[in-house]
């Protein structure tokens, strides 16, 4: 069987990009790799996504076409060989929302409002058929990564997640369940691009959406405004929540409670996911984000008024203080997944 580099070389030869200069660019938390291809007057992005992952190039293609059909700015697919896990994509450039905000923090609120408007438009349209539609129990089970990986990374022990999972299932069912919309799941500033020469919603380039599923209206907004990788100002968060509710007709108090509970679920899952990325995949850079995610968890818990859930989190989850982060770091790349 040809090795990976041979497959890529053959793909580029077939698509007319064999002579392009190839420059690696930053990827995400998955096994995908990205390269910018440059030839006279043109650039493109090579996505190398080996098969066998939770998401696939075929998923990317399907969701990409759906988003573009709604008038949203997902990258044009220039060429594809999904059987080999290879896509050639339109290049949106380097102006991610995260980079633009870092250079000019005053743009944060405008960019987040633009991203909020994209969500309003997306959720007003019918979702494609066949998207995964998880139950409240499934969402709660995903949050148990906080015990399986984050707690384990610090304490080295395993605990029965049953009571924790059951309580979170009940809370999600009561306070954050209902009619579903399409959600993109990883909707945050590093996956959103400010695209020059576009107008309206198309100024927002959308990346990393292949794991799209059915979910609650507030989930992607939580992902955007409680970003695990960067701080978002409370003023921006409040303004975008109000903007979303006004545009969708959501009742503000009920939406706020759902948003808070979804924030709890997401923070718990990310604590576990970032710990696993270090322990299993040798990516210690994610440990630096754990204190932020921890703060988001406890801010949501405080706002929720869910005392029993607060008590469980307090008793089961150690804080990511410096000694505990060092414990996780010492186990980096030393754990075999099970």
C-alpha atoms as a PDB file:
ATOM      1  CA  UNK A   1       0.000   0.000   0.000  1.00  0.00           C
ATOM      2  CA  UNK A   2       1.404   3.468  -0.862  1.00  0.00           C
ATOM      3  CA  UNK A   3       2.581   5.531   2.092  1.00  0.00           C
ATOM      4  CA  UNK A   4       0.811   8.772   3.023  1.00  0.00           C
ATOM      5  CA  UNK A   5       3.240  11.075   1.261  1.00  0.00           C
ATOM      6  CA  UNK A   6       2.970   9.101  -1.974  1.00  0.00           C
ATOM      7  CA  UNK A   7      -0.833   9.368  -1.868  1.00  0.00           C
ATOM      8  CA  UNK A   8      -0.595  13.117  -1.338  1.00  0.00           C
ATOM      9  CA  UNK A   9       1.930  13.551  -4.146  1.00  0.00           C
ATOM     10  CA  UNK A  10      -0.295  11.605  -6.530  1.00  0.00           C
ATOM     11  CA  UNK A  11      -3.329  13.675  -5.499  1.00  0.00           C
ATOM     12  CA  UNK A  12      -1.503  16.957  -6.079  1.00  0.00           C
ATOM     13  CA  UNK A  13      -0.256  15.730  -9.431  1.00  0.00           C
ATOM     14  CA  UNK A  14      -3.794  14.833 -10.529  1.00  0.00           C
ATOM     15  CA  UNK A  15      -5.155  18.207  -9.437  1.00  0.00           C
ATOM     16  CA  UNK A  16      -2.475  20.365 -11.022  1.00  0.00           C
ATOM     17  CA  UNK A  17      -0.766  21.384  -7.783  1.00  0.00           C
ATOM     18  CA  UNK A  18       2.291  19.119  -7.952  1.00  0.00           C
ATOM     19  CA  UNK A  19       4.697  22.043  -8.356  1.00  0.00           C
ATOM     20  CA  UNK A  20       3.172  24.149  -5.572  1.00  0.00           C
ATOM     21  CA  UNK A  21       5.245  25.172  -2.563  1.00  0.00           C
ATOM     22  CA  UNK A  22       3.909  23.296   0.465  1.00  0.00           C
ATOM     23  CA  UNK A  23       3.926  25.050   3.843  1.00  0.00           C
ATOM     24  CA  UNK A  24       2.544  23.345   6.982  1.00  0.00           C
ATOM     25  CA  UNK A  25      -0.001  25.427   8.903  1.00  0.00           C
ATOM     26  CA  UNK A  26      -1.447  25.032  12.358  1.00  0.00           C
ATOM     27  CA  UNK A  27      -4.071  22.339  12.697  1.00  0.00           C
ATOM     28  CA  UNK A  28      -6.572  21.516  15.405  1.00  0.00           C
ATOM     29  CA  UNK A  29      -6.957  18.911  18.125  1.00  0.00           C
ATOM     30  CA  UNK A  30      -7.614  16.072  15.660  1.00  0.00           C
ATOM     31  CA  UNK A  31      -5.235  13.968  13.564  1.00  0.00           C
ATOM     32  CA  UNK A  32      -5.848  16.137  10.505  1.00  0.00           C
ATOM     33  CA  UNK A  33      -2.918  18.003   8.950  1.00  0.00           C
ATOM     34  CA  UNK A  34      -3.092  21.147   6.853  1.00  0.00           C
ATOM     35  CA  UNK A  35      -0.704  22.670   4.321  1.00  0.00           C
ATOM     36  CA  UNK A  36      -0.902  25.887   2.356  1.00  0.00           C
ATOM     37  CA  UNK A  37      -0.113  25.291  -1.303  1.00  0.00           C
ATOM     38  CA  UNK A  38       1.318  28.236  -3.204  1.00  0.00           C
ATOM     39  CA  UNK A  39       1.819  28.613  -6.923  1.00  0.00           C
ATOM     40  CA  UNK A  40       2.014  31.788  -9.029  1.00  0.00           C
ATOM     41  CA  UNK A  41      -1.071  33.875  -8.335  1.00  0.00           C
ATOM     42  CA  UNK A  42      -2.915  31.204  -6.372  1.00  0.00           C
ATOM     43  CA  UNK A  43      -3.060  29.479  -3.006  1.00  0.00           C
ATOM     44  CA  UNK A  44      -5.102  26.574  -1.669  1.00  0.00           C
ATOM     45  CA  UNK A  45      -5.290  24.501   1.499  1.00  0.00           C
ATOM     46  CA  UNK A  46      -4.548  20.779   1.518  1.00  0.00           C
ATOM     47  CA  UNK A  47      -6.483  18.887   4.198  1.00  0.00           C
ATOM     48  CA  UNK A  48      -4.911  15.527   4.977  1.00  0.00           C
ATOM     49  CA  UNK A  49      -7.463  13.602   7.034  1.00  0.00           C
ATOM     50  CA  UNK A  50      -6.531   9.916   7.352  1.00  0.00           C
ATOM     51  CA  UNK A  51      -9.526   7.605   7.434  1.00  0.00           C
ATOM     52  CA  UNK A  52     -10.658   5.904  10.621  1.00  0.00           C
ATOM     53  CA  UNK A  53     -11.306   9.041  12.676  1.00  0.00           C
ATOM     54  CA  UNK A  54     -14.616  10.094  14.211  1.00  0.00           C
ATOM     55  CA  UNK A  55     -15.049  12.579  11.366  1.00  0.00           C
ATOM     56  CA  UNK A  56     -14.280  12.058   7.717  1.00  0.00           C
ATOM     57  CA  UNK A  57     -13.665  14.044   4.532  1.00  0.00           C
ATOM     58  CA  UNK A  58     -17.047  12.831   3.296  1.00  0.00           C
ATOM     59  CA  UNK A  59     -18.665  14.445   6.359  1.00  0.00           C
ATOM     60  CA  UNK A  60     -16.772  17.651   5.626  1.00  0.00           C
ATOM     61  CA  UNK A  61     -17.946  17.659   2.016  1.00  0.00           C
ATOM     62  CA  UNK A  62     -21.579  17.086   2.954  1.00  0.00           C
ATOM     63  CA  UNK A  63     -21.734  19.813   5.593  1.00  0.00           C
ATOM     64  CA  UNK A  64     -19.661  22.184   3.443  1.00  0.00           C
ATOM     65  CA  UNK A  65     -22.137  21.927   0.584  1.00  0.00           C
ATOM     66  CA  UNK A  66     -25.052  22.448   2.975  1.00  0.00           C
ATOM     67  CA  UNK A  67     -23.553  25.589   4.505  1.00  0.00           C
ATOM     68  CA  UNK A  68     -22.683  27.044   1.121  1.00  0.00           C
ATOM     69  CA  UNK A  69     -26.217  26.307  -0.054  1.00  0.00           C
ATOM     70  CA  UNK A  70     -27.505  28.449   2.823  1.00  0.00           C
ATOM     71  CA  UNK A  71     -25.381  31.394   1.685  1.00  0.00           C
ATOM     72  CA  UNK A  72     -22.780  30.907   4.403  1.00  0.00           C
ATOM     73  CA  UNK A  73     -19.066  31.000   3.718  1.00  0.00           C
ATOM     74  CA  UNK A  74     -17.633  27.521   4.053  1.00  0.00           C
ATOM     75  CA  UNK A  75     -14.544  26.984   1.870  1.00  0.00           C
ATOM     76  CA  UNK A  76     -15.067  25.943  -1.716  1.00  0.00           C
ATOM     77  CA  UNK A  77     -13.858  22.393  -2.305  1.00  0.00           C
ATOM     78  CA  UNK A  78     -11.489  22.609  -5.262  1.00  0.00           C
ATOM     79  CA  UNK A  79     -10.730  18.893  -5.512  1.00  0.00           C
ATOM     80  CA  UNK A  80     -11.429  15.814  -3.432  1.00  0.00           C
ATOM     81  CA  UNK A  81     -10.318  12.228  -2.971  1.00  0.00           C
ATOM     82  CA  UNK A  82     -12.395  11.203   0.061  1.00  0.00           C
ATOM     83  CA  UNK A  83     -11.410   7.560  -0.325  1.00  0.00           C
ATOM     84  CA  UNK A  84      -7.854   8.610   0.584  1.00  0.00           C
ATOM     85  CA  UNK A  85      -8.859  11.326   3.056  1.00  0.00           C
ATOM     86  CA  UNK A  86      -7.632  14.235   0.938  1.00  0.00           C
ATOM     87  CA  UNK A  87      -9.326  17.546   0.135  1.00  0.00           C
ATOM     88  CA  UNK A  88      -8.123  20.667  -1.624  1.00  0.00           C
ATOM     89  CA  UNK A  89      -9.861  23.739  -0.213  1.00  0.00           C
ATOM     90  CA  UNK A  90     -10.249  27.433  -0.863  1.00  0.00           C
ATOM     91  CA  UNK A  91      -7.736  29.438   1.172  1.00  0.00           C
ATOM     92  CA  UNK A  92      -9.405  31.948   3.504  1.00  0.00           C
ATOM     93  CA  UNK A  93      -6.057  33.472   4.459  1.00  0.00           C
ATOM     94  CA  UNK A  94      -4.646  33.925   7.959  1.00  0.00           C
ATOM     95  CA  UNK A  95      -7.054  36.408   9.535  1.00  0.00           C
ATOM     96  CA  UNK A  96      -8.735  34.146  12.059  1.00  0.00           C
ATOM     97  CA  UNK A  97     -11.026  35.920  14.500  1.00  0.00           C
ATOM     98  CA  UNK A  98      -8.619  34.901  17.262  1.00  0.00           C
ATOM     99  CA  UNK A  99      -5.676  36.572  15.512  1.00  0.00           C
ATOM    100  CA  UNK A 100      -7.637  39.725  14.632  1.00  0.00           C
ATOM    101  CA  UNK A 101      -8.888  40.073  18.214  1.00  0.00           C
ATOM    102  CA  UNK A 102      -5.403  39.564  19.623  1.00  0.00           C
ATOM    103  CA  UNK A 103      -4.091  42.357  17.407  1.00  0.00           C
ATOM    104  CA  UNK A 104      -7.041  44.676  18.015  1.00  0.00           C
ATOM    105  CA  UNK A 105      -9.186  43.752  21.059  1.00  0.00           C
ATOM    106  CA  UNK A 106     -11.640  46.537  20.191  1.00  0.00           C
ATOM    107  CA  UNK A 107     -12.888  44.386  17.293  1.00  0.00           C
ATOM    108  CA  UNK A 108     -14.034  41.585  19.599  1.00  0.00           C
ATOM    109  CA  UNK A 109     -17.630  42.671  20.002  1.00  0.00           C
ATOM    110  CA  UNK A 110     -18.160  43.364  16.283  1.00  0.00           C
ATOM    111  CA  UNK A 111     -16.665  40.022  15.238  1.00  0.00           C
ATOM    112  CA  UNK A 112     -18.658  38.092  17.840  1.00  0.00           C
ATOM    113  CA  UNK A 113     -21.839  39.840  16.742  1.00  0.00           C
ATOM    114  CA  UNK A 114     -21.089  38.812  13.146  1.00  0.00           C
ATOM    115  CA  UNK A 115     -20.580  35.223  14.293  1.00  0.00           C
ATOM    116  CA  UNK A 116     -23.831  35.391  16.273  1.00  0.00           C
ATOM    117  CA  UNK A 117     -25.697  36.526  13.160  1.00  0.00           C
ATOM    118  CA  UNK A 118     -24.303  33.509  11.277  1.00  0.00           C
ATOM    119  CA  UNK A 119     -25.758  31.208  13.953  1.00  0.00           C
ATOM    120  CA  UNK A 120     -29.143  32.940  13.766  1.00  0.00           C
ATOM    121  CA  UNK A 121     -29.217  32.406   9.997  1.00  0.00           C
ATOM    122  CA  UNK A 122     -28.019  28.801  10.244  1.00  0.00           C
ATOM    123  CA  UNK A 123     -30.591  27.837  12.854  1.00  0.00           C
ATOM    124  CA  UNK A 124     -33.452  29.415  10.912  1.00  0.00           C
ATOM    125  CA  UNK A 125     -32.876  26.940   8.042  1.00  0.00           C
ATOM    126  CA  UNK A 126     -33.771  23.235   7.867  1.00  0.00           C
ATOM    127  CA  UNK A 127     -30.907  20.961   8.876  1.00  0.00           C
ATOM    128  CA  UNK A 128     -29.624  18.302   6.470  1.00  0.00           C
ATOM    129  CA  UNK A 129     -31.080  14.854   6.993  1.00  0.00           C
ATOM    130  CA  UNK A 130     -29.216  12.205   8.918  1.00  0.00           C
ATOM    131  CA  UNK A 131     -27.277  14.313  11.414  1.00  0.00           C
ATOM    132  CA  UNK A 132     -26.583  12.615  14.763  1.00  0.00           C
ATOM    133  CA  UNK A 133     -29.215  13.567  17.337  1.00  0.00           C
ATOM    134  CA  UNK A 134     -28.013  12.695  20.832  1.00  0.00           C
ATOM    135  CA  UNK A 135     -30.212  12.357  23.889  1.00  0.00           C
ATOM    136  CA  UNK A 136     -29.727  14.296  27.112  1.00  0.00           C
ATOM    137  CA  UNK A 137     -28.169  11.121  28.502  1.00  0.00           C
ATOM    138  CA  UNK A 138     -25.651  11.056  25.667  1.00  0.00           C
ATOM    139  CA  UNK A 139     -24.710  14.685  26.314  1.00  0.00           C
ATOM    140  CA  UNK A 140     -24.279  13.942  30.005  1.00  0.00           C
ATOM    141  CA  UNK A 141     -22.160  10.862  29.262  1.00  0.00           C
ATOM    142  CA  UNK A 142     -19.848  13.015  27.103  1.00  0.00           C
ATOM    143  CA  UNK A 143     -19.323  15.324  30.080  1.00  0.00           C
ATOM    144  CA  UNK A 144     -18.055  12.364  32.089  1.00  0.00           C
ATOM    145  CA  UNK A 145     -14.763  12.774  30.261  1.00  0.00           C
ATOM    146  CA  UNK A 146     -14.058  15.113  33.166  1.00  0.00           C
ATOM    147  CA  UNK A 147     -13.912  12.080  35.441  1.00  0.00           C
ATOM    148  CA  UNK A 148     -12.438   9.581  33.011  1.00  0.00           C
ATOM    149  CA  UNK A 149      -9.546  11.789  31.907  1.00  0.00           C
ATOM    150  CA  UNK A 150      -9.219  15.036  33.865  1.00  0.00           C
ATOM    151  CA  UNK A 151      -9.747  13.622  37.363  1.00  0.00           C
ATOM    152  CA  UNK A 152      -7.751  10.501  36.480  1.00  0.00           C
ATOM    153  CA  UNK A 153      -4.886  12.623  35.152  1.00  0.00           C
ATOM    154  CA  UNK A 154      -4.541  14.252  38.584  1.00  0.00           C
ATOM    155  CA  UNK A 155      -5.558  11.535  41.061  1.00  0.00           C
ATOM    156  CA  UNK A 156      -4.731   8.366  39.121  1.00  0.00           C
ATOM    157  CA  UNK A 157      -7.995   6.762  40.233  1.00  0.00           C
ATOM    158  CA  UNK A 158     -11.307   5.899  38.627  1.00  0.00           C
ATOM    159  CA  UNK A 159     -14.706   6.603  40.139  1.00  0.00           C
ATOM    160  CA  UNK A 160     -18.185   5.402  39.239  1.00  0.00           C
ATOM    161  CA  UNK A 161     -19.754   8.188  37.141  1.00  0.00           C
ATOM    162  CA  UNK A 162     -23.293   6.878  37.609  1.00  0.00           C
ATOM    163  CA  UNK A 163     -24.681   9.395  40.106  1.00  0.00           C
ATOM    164  CA  UNK A 164     -22.967  12.333  38.424  1.00  0.00           C
ATOM    165  CA  UNK A 165     -24.167  11.278  34.973  1.00  0.00           C
ATOM    166  CA  UNK A 166     -27.741  10.655  36.139  1.00  0.00           C
ATOM    167  CA  UNK A 167     -27.963  14.060  37.813  1.00  0.00           C
ATOM    168  CA  UNK A 168     -26.590  15.873  34.778  1.00  0.00           C
ATOM    169  CA  UNK A 169     -28.958  13.924  32.501  1.00  0.00           C
ATOM    170  CA  UNK A 170     -31.934  15.070  34.567  1.00  0.00           C
ATOM    171  CA  UNK A 171     -30.739  18.692  34.550  1.00  0.00           C
ATOM    172  CA  UNK A 172     -30.135  18.702  30.799  1.00  0.00           C
ATOM    173  CA  UNK A 173     -33.524  17.081  30.163  1.00  0.00           C
ATOM    174  CA  UNK A 174     -35.358  19.692  32.222  1.00  0.00           C
ATOM    175  CA  UNK A 175     -33.437  22.868  31.488  1.00  0.00           C
ATOM    176  CA  UNK A 176     -31.594  22.472  28.194  1.00  0.00           C
ATOM    177  CA  UNK A 177     -33.577  20.074  26.037  1.00  0.00           C
ATOM    178  CA  UNK A 178     -36.219  20.680  23.402  1.00  0.00           C
ATOM    179  CA  UNK A 179     -36.530  21.313  19.668  1.00  0.00           C
ATOM    180  CA  UNK A 180     -33.173  20.759  17.963  1.00  0.00           C
ATOM    181  CA  UNK A 181     -31.229  22.792  15.453  1.00  0.00           C
ATOM    182  CA  UNK A 182     -28.055  22.101  13.522  1.00  0.00           C
ATOM    183  CA  UNK A 183     -24.971  22.878  15.593  1.00  0.00           C
ATOM    184  CA  UNK A 184     -21.368  23.002  14.376  1.00  0.00           C
ATOM    185  CA  UNK A 185     -19.863  22.073  17.803  1.00  0.00           C
ATOM    186  CA  UNK A 186     -16.428  23.732  17.498  1.00  0.00           C
ATOM    187  CA  UNK A 187     -17.677  27.223  16.748  1.00  0.00           C
ATOM    188  CA  UNK A 188     -14.995  29.494  18.193  1.00  0.00           C
ATOM    189  CA  UNK A 189     -12.569  32.246  17.227  1.00  0.00           C
ATOM    190  CA  UNK A 190      -9.845  29.957  15.867  1.00  0.00           C
ATOM    191  CA  UNK A 191     -12.308  28.314  13.469  1.00  0.00           C
ATOM    192  CA  UNK A 192     -13.782  31.574  12.159  1.00  0.00           C
ATOM    193  CA  UNK A 193     -12.009  33.660   9.535  1.00  0.00           C
ATOM    194  CA  UNK A 194     -12.421  37.283   8.526  1.00  0.00           C
ATOM    195  CA  UNK A 195     -12.485  37.007   4.730  1.00  0.00           C
ATOM    196  CA  UNK A 196     -11.529  40.033   2.656  1.00  0.00           C
ATOM    197  CA  UNK A 197     -13.661  40.987  -0.313  1.00  0.00           C
ATOM    198  CA  UNK A 198     -16.843  39.418   1.070  1.00  0.00           C
ATOM    199  CA  UNK A 199     -19.914  41.150   2.457  1.00  0.00           C
ATOM    200  CA  UNK A 200     -22.585  40.430   5.036  1.00  0.00           C
ATOM    201  CA  UNK A 201     -22.597  36.946   6.495  1.00  0.00           C
ATOM    202  CA  UNK A 202     -20.060  35.827   3.896  1.00  0.00           C
ATOM    203  CA  UNK A 203     -17.361  37.888   5.626  1.00  0.00           C
ATOM    204  CA  UNK A 204     -17.306  35.078   8.200  1.00  0.00           C
ATOM    205  CA  UNK A 205     -15.366  32.077   6.894  1.00  0.00           C
ATOM    206  CA  UNK A 206     -16.355  28.908   8.734  1.00  0.00           C
ATOM    207  CA  UNK A 207     -13.959  26.007   9.372  1.00  0.00           C
ATOM    208  CA  UNK A 208     -14.000  22.679  11.238  1.00  0.00           C
ATOM    209  CA  UNK A 209     -17.680  21.775  11.003  1.00  0.00           C
ATOM    210  CA  UNK A 210     -17.507  18.126   9.933  1.00  0.00           C
ATOM    211  CA  UNK A 211     -18.818  16.865  13.295  1.00  0.00           C
ATOM    212  CA  UNK A 212     -22.039  18.887  12.960  1.00  0.00           C
ATOM    213  CA  UNK A 213     -25.063  17.374  14.667  1.00  0.00           C
ATOM    214  CA  UNK A 214     -28.470  18.246  16.027  1.00  0.00           C
ATOM    215  CA  UNK A 215     -28.383  20.095  19.323  1.00  0.00           C
ATOM    216  CA  UNK A 216     -29.686  22.973  21.375  1.00  0.00           C
ATOM    217  CA  UNK A 217     -29.822  26.567  20.055  1.00  0.00           C
ATOM    218  CA  UNK A 218     -27.476  27.854  22.739  1.00  0.00           C
ATOM    219  CA  UNK A 219     -24.664  25.346  22.270  1.00  0.00           C
ATOM    220  CA  UNK A 220     -22.669  27.034  19.511  1.00  0.00           C
ATOM    221  CA  UNK A 221     -23.183  30.393  21.203  1.00  0.00           C
ATOM    222  CA  UNK A 222     -21.601  28.955  24.358  1.00  0.00           C
ATOM    223  CA  UNK A 223     -18.739  27.657  22.223  1.00  0.00           C
ATOM    224  CA  UNK A 224     -18.217  31.142  20.787  1.00  0.00           C
ATOM    225  CA  UNK A 225     -18.643  33.218  23.941  1.00  0.00           C
ATOM    226  CA  UNK A 226     -17.137  30.843  26.512  1.00  0.00           C
ATOM    227  CA  UNK A 227     -14.125  30.093  24.356  1.00  0.00           C
ATOM    228  CA  UNK A 228     -11.850  27.492  25.923  1.00  0.00           C
ATOM    229  CA  UNK A 229      -8.779  29.037  24.280  1.00  0.00           C
ATOM    230  CA  UNK A 230      -9.214  32.758  24.907  1.00  0.00           C
ATOM    231  CA  UNK A 231     -11.001  35.146  27.247  1.00  0.00           C
ATOM    232  CA  UNK A 232     -14.154  36.862  25.985  1.00  0.00           C
ATOM    233  CA  UNK A 233     -15.226  40.046  27.739  1.00  0.00           C
ATOM    234  CA  UNK A 234     -18.448  39.894  29.793  1.00  0.00           C
ATOM    235  CA  UNK A 235     -19.734  42.891  27.832  1.00  0.00           C
ATOM    236  CA  UNK A 236     -19.331  41.021  24.539  1.00  0.00           C
ATOM    237  CA  UNK A 237     -20.917  37.867  25.954  1.00  0.00           C
ATOM    238  CA  UNK A 238     -23.956  39.741  27.283  1.00  0.00           C
ATOM    239  CA  UNK A 239     -24.389  41.753  24.073  1.00  0.00           C
ATOM    240  CA  UNK A 240     -24.292  38.670  21.842  1.00  0.00           C
ATOM    241  CA  UNK A 241     -26.703  36.704  24.031  1.00  0.00           C
ATOM    242  CA  UNK A 242     -29.143  39.619  23.894  1.00  0.00           C
ATOM    243  CA  UNK A 243     -28.638  39.905  20.126  1.00  0.00           C
ATOM    244  CA  UNK A 244     -29.321  36.186  19.658  1.00  0.00           C
ATOM    245  CA  UNK A 245     -32.489  36.264  21.775  1.00  0.00           C
ATOM    246  CA  UNK A 246     -33.812  39.354  19.977  1.00  0.00           C
ATOM    247  CA  UNK A 247     -33.201  37.798  16.562  1.00  0.00           C
ATOM    248  CA  UNK A 248     -34.635  34.373  17.371  1.00  0.00           C
ATOM    249  CA  UNK A 249     -37.460  35.356  19.702  1.00  0.00           C
ATOM    250  CA  UNK A 250     -36.019  33.265  22.537  1.00  0.00           C
ATOM    251  CA  UNK A 251     -37.321  34.239  25.978  1.00  0.00           C
ATOM    252  CA  UNK A 252     -34.244  35.723  27.702  1.00  0.00           C
ATOM    253  CA  UNK A 253     -34.609  34.142  31.157  1.00  0.00           C
ATOM    254  CA  UNK A 254     -35.302  30.649  29.830  1.00  0.00           C
ATOM    255  CA  UNK A 255     -32.511  30.941  27.277  1.00  0.00           C
ATOM    256  CA  UNK A 256     -30.087  32.128  29.962  1.00  0.00           C
ATOM    257  CA  UNK A 257     -30.761  29.020  32.048  1.00  0.00           C
ATOM    258  CA  UNK A 258     -30.331  26.703  29.068  1.00  0.00           C
ATOM    259  CA  UNK A 259     -27.156  28.556  28.040  1.00  0.00           C
ATOM    260  CA  UNK A 260     -25.734  28.159  31.545  1.00  0.00           C
ATOM    261  CA  UNK A 261     -26.454  24.425  31.730  1.00  0.00           C
ATOM    262  CA  UNK A 262     -24.978  23.871  28.278  1.00  0.00           C
ATOM    263  CA  UNK A 263     -21.939  25.811  29.467  1.00  0.00           C
ATOM    264  CA  UNK A 264     -21.570  23.378  32.379  1.00  0.00           C
ATOM    265  CA  UNK A 265     -21.789  20.361  30.080  1.00  0.00           C
ATOM    266  CA  UNK A 266     -19.299  21.828  27.626  1.00  0.00           C
ATOM    267  CA  UNK A 267     -16.773  22.834  30.282  1.00  0.00           C
ATOM    268  CA  UNK A 268     -16.882  19.371  31.865  1.00  0.00           C
ATOM    269  CA  UNK A 269     -16.313  17.698  28.503  1.00  0.00           C
ATOM    270  CA  UNK A 270     -13.465  20.021  27.566  1.00  0.00           C
ATOM    271  CA  UNK A 271     -11.668  19.490  30.879  1.00  0.00           C
ATOM    272  CA  UNK A 272     -11.567  15.801  30.020  1.00  0.00           C
ATOM    273  CA  UNK A 273     -10.778  16.304  26.351  1.00  0.00           C
ATOM    274  CA  UNK A 274      -7.827  18.619  26.989  1.00  0.00           C
ATOM    275  CA  UNK A 275      -6.428  16.279  29.638  1.00  0.00           C
ATOM    276  CA  UNK A 276      -6.726  13.354  27.231  1.00  0.00           C
ATOM    277  CA  UNK A 277      -4.944  15.291  24.482  1.00  0.00           C
ATOM    278  CA  UNK A 278      -1.987  15.593  26.822  1.00  0.00           C
ATOM    279  CA  UNK A 279      -2.024  12.095  28.335  1.00  0.00           C
ATOM    280  CA  UNK A 280      -2.668  10.093  25.172  1.00  0.00           C
ATOM    281  CA  UNK A 281      -1.580  12.271  22.255  1.00  0.00           C
ATOM    282  CA  UNK A 282       1.312  14.135  23.844  1.00  0.00           C
ATOM    283  CA  UNK A 283      -0.143  17.638  23.389  1.00  0.00           C
ATOM    284  CA  UNK A 284       0.707  19.491  26.625  1.00  0.00           C
ATOM    285  CA  UNK A 285      -0.165  22.883  25.113  1.00  0.00           C
ATOM    286  CA  UNK A 286      -3.804  22.300  26.020  1.00  0.00           C
ATOM    287  CA  UNK A 287      -3.025  22.241  29.742  1.00  0.00           C
ATOM    288  CA  UNK A 288      -2.624  26.012  29.721  1.00  0.00           C
ATOM    289  CA  UNK A 289      -6.321  26.364  28.930  1.00  0.00           C
ATOM    290  CA  UNK A 290      -7.575  24.236  31.832  1.00  0.00           C
ATOM    291  CA  UNK A 291      -7.723  27.084  34.405  1.00  0.00           C
ATOM    292  CA  UNK A 292      -9.890  29.138  32.025  1.00  0.00           C
ATOM    293  CA  UNK A 293     -12.268  26.222  31.412  1.00  0.00           C
ATOM    294  CA  UNK A 294     -12.380  25.564  35.169  1.00  0.00           C
ATOM    295  CA  UNK A 295     -13.365  29.191  35.799  1.00  0.00           C
ATOM    296  CA  UNK A 296     -16.078  28.917  33.143  1.00  0.00           C
ATOM    297  CA  UNK A 297     -17.403  25.761  34.786  1.00  0.00           C
ATOM    298  CA  UNK A 298     -17.695  27.363  38.201  1.00  0.00           C
ATOM    299  CA  UNK A 299     -19.142  30.606  36.880  1.00  0.00           C
ATOM    300  CA  UNK A 300     -21.877  28.594  35.161  1.00  0.00           C
ATOM    301  CA  UNK A 301     -22.442  26.463  38.256  1.00  0.00           C
ATOM    302  CA  UNK A 302     -22.845  29.579  40.382  1.00  0.00           C
ATOM    303  CA  UNK A 303     -25.302  31.135  37.937  1.00  0.00           C
ATOM    304  CA  UNK A 304     -27.290  27.913  37.633  1.00  0.00           C
ATOM    305  CA  UNK A 305     -28.186  27.652  41.307  1.00  0.00           C
ATOM    306  CA  UNK A 306     -27.828  23.858  41.033  1.00  0.00           C
ATOM    307  CA  UNK A 307     -26.457  23.164  44.492  1.00  0.00           C
ATOM    308  CA  UNK A 308     -26.373  19.372  44.202  1.00  0.00           C
ATOM    309  CA  UNK A 309     -24.397  19.537  40.967  1.00  0.00           C
ATOM    310  CA  UNK A 310     -22.033  22.073  42.516  1.00  0.00           C
ATOM    311  CA  UNK A 311     -21.420  19.735  45.452  1.00  0.00           C
ATOM    312  CA  UNK A 312     -20.655  16.805  43.149  1.00  0.00           C
ATOM    313  CA  UNK A 313     -18.232  18.837  41.062  1.00  0.00           C
ATOM    314  CA  UNK A 314     -16.534  20.084  44.215  1.00  0.00           C
ATOM    315  CA  UNK A 315     -16.135  16.594  45.652  1.00  0.00           C
ATOM    316  CA  UNK A 316     -15.075  14.809  42.446  1.00  0.00           C
ATOM    317  CA  UNK A 317     -12.990  17.310  40.480  1.00  0.00           C
ATOM    318  CA  UNK A 318      -9.696  18.751  41.751  1.00  0.00           C
ATOM    319  CA  UNK A 319      -8.847  22.309  40.722  1.00  0.00           C
ATOM    320  CA  UNK A 320      -6.233  22.782  37.959  1.00  0.00           C
ATOM    321  CA  UNK A 321      -3.794  24.571  40.242  1.00  0.00           C
ATOM    322  CA  UNK A 322      -0.054  24.541  39.523  1.00  0.00           C
ATOM    323  CA  UNK A 323       0.717  21.261  41.383  1.00  0.00           C
ATOM    324  CA  UNK A 324      -2.150  19.450  39.683  1.00  0.00           C
ATOM    325  CA  UNK A 325      -1.195  20.754  36.250  1.00  0.00           C
ATOM    326  CA  UNK A 326       2.306  19.449  36.907  1.00  0.00           C
ATOM    327  CA  UNK A 327       0.873  16.027  37.769  1.00  0.00           C
ATOM    328  CA  UNK A 328      -0.906  15.938  34.410  1.00  0.00           C
ATOM    329  CA  UNK A 329       2.194  17.135  32.569  1.00  0.00           C
ATOM    330  CA  UNK A 330       4.302  14.341  34.092  1.00  0.00           C
ATOM    331  CA  UNK A 331       1.912  11.801  32.535  1.00  0.00           C
ATOM    332  CA  UNK A 332       2.029  13.415  29.087  1.00  0.00           C
ATOM    333  CA  UNK A 333       2.031  10.832  26.274  1.00  0.00           C
ATOM    334  CA  UNK A 334       2.320   7.975  28.793  1.00  0.00           C
ATOM    335  CA  UNK A 335      -1.252   6.687  28.799  1.00  0.00           C
ATOM    336  CA  UNK A 336      -2.598   4.146  26.323  1.00  0.00           C
ATOM    337  CA  UNK A 337      -6.262   4.753  25.407  1.00  0.00           C
ATOM    338  CA  UNK A 338      -8.771   2.136  26.371  1.00  0.00           C
END
